[in-house]
Protein backbone atom coordinates (compact mmCIF):
# COMPACT_ATOMS: atom_id res chain seq x y z
CA MET A 1 83.88 129.45 90.47
CA LYS A 2 86.82 127.16 91.13
CA THR A 3 88.30 125.12 88.32
CA LYS A 4 90.03 121.75 88.61
CA ARG A 5 93.32 123.63 88.68
CA ASP A 6 92.22 125.46 91.87
CA LYS A 7 91.15 122.28 93.64
CA ILE A 8 93.20 119.74 95.55
CA SER A 9 93.63 116.29 94.05
CA LEU A 10 92.97 113.38 96.40
CA GLY A 11 94.16 110.71 93.98
CA PHE A 12 92.58 108.57 91.31
CA CYS A 13 89.60 106.26 90.99
CA LEU A 14 88.02 104.02 88.39
CA ARG A 15 84.67 105.42 87.31
CA GLU A 16 82.00 103.52 85.39
CA VAL A 17 80.85 105.21 82.20
CA GLU A 18 77.21 105.68 81.22
CA THR A 19 77.71 105.37 77.45
CA ARG A 20 80.32 104.15 75.00
CA ASP A 21 80.59 107.74 73.71
CA GLU A 22 81.71 108.84 77.18
CA ALA A 23 84.48 106.22 77.11
CA LEU A 24 85.45 107.25 73.58
CA LYS A 25 85.65 110.90 74.63
CA ALA A 26 87.95 109.93 77.52
CA TRP A 27 90.07 107.79 75.15
CA ASP A 28 90.35 110.72 72.71
CA ALA A 29 91.41 113.01 75.60
CA GLY A 30 94.28 110.65 76.41
CA GLU A 31 92.76 109.30 79.61
CA GLN A 32 93.25 105.66 80.53
CA VAL A 33 90.24 103.48 79.82
CA PHE A 34 89.83 99.99 81.26
CA ALA A 35 87.61 97.14 80.13
CA TRP A 36 86.06 94.69 82.54
CA HIS A 37 84.10 91.49 82.02
CA GLU A 38 82.25 89.59 84.73
CA MET A 39 84.45 86.52 84.26
CA ASP A 40 87.71 88.49 84.47
CA GLU A 41 89.40 88.90 87.83
CA LYS A 42 90.47 92.49 87.19
CA PRO A 43 90.02 95.24 84.58
CA ALA A 44 92.37 95.29 81.58
CA CYS A 45 93.83 98.50 80.18
CA VAL A 46 92.30 99.29 76.79
CA THR A 47 95.17 99.39 74.30
CA SER A 48 93.31 100.08 71.06
CA LEU A 49 90.14 101.57 69.70
CA GLU A 50 89.16 98.12 68.44
CA MET A 51 89.40 96.75 71.98
CA LEU A 52 87.27 99.63 73.31
CA ASN A 53 84.60 98.88 70.70
CA ASN A 54 84.45 95.19 71.70
CA TYR A 55 83.09 95.95 75.18
CA PRO A 56 79.63 97.22 76.15
CA ALA A 57 79.39 100.55 77.98
CA ASP A 58 78.72 98.82 81.31
CA GLY A 59 82.06 97.02 80.97
CA LEU A 60 84.15 100.18 80.53
CA LEU A 61 85.84 102.22 83.26
CA VAL A 62 87.77 105.50 83.12
CA TRP A 63 90.76 106.22 85.36
CA GLU A 64 90.26 109.75 86.60
CA ARG A 65 91.66 112.14 89.16
CA VAL A 66 89.46 112.92 92.19
CA TYR A 67 89.30 116.59 93.29
CA VAL A 68 87.89 118.44 96.30
């Protein structure tokens, strides 16, 4: 079975998270997490755990690498 290391990266994308725990896990792993609100024009980079906790799960996005 191929691992991410064996695959080719196509770039990055913003992925919606299902739960706040998923966003917290990404934050703990050092991945960039973004918060988005319907009234905002664009997502804002989460800069603290407090900021992450102030958004619902459906307002959180994770910046991740896309592989094939």
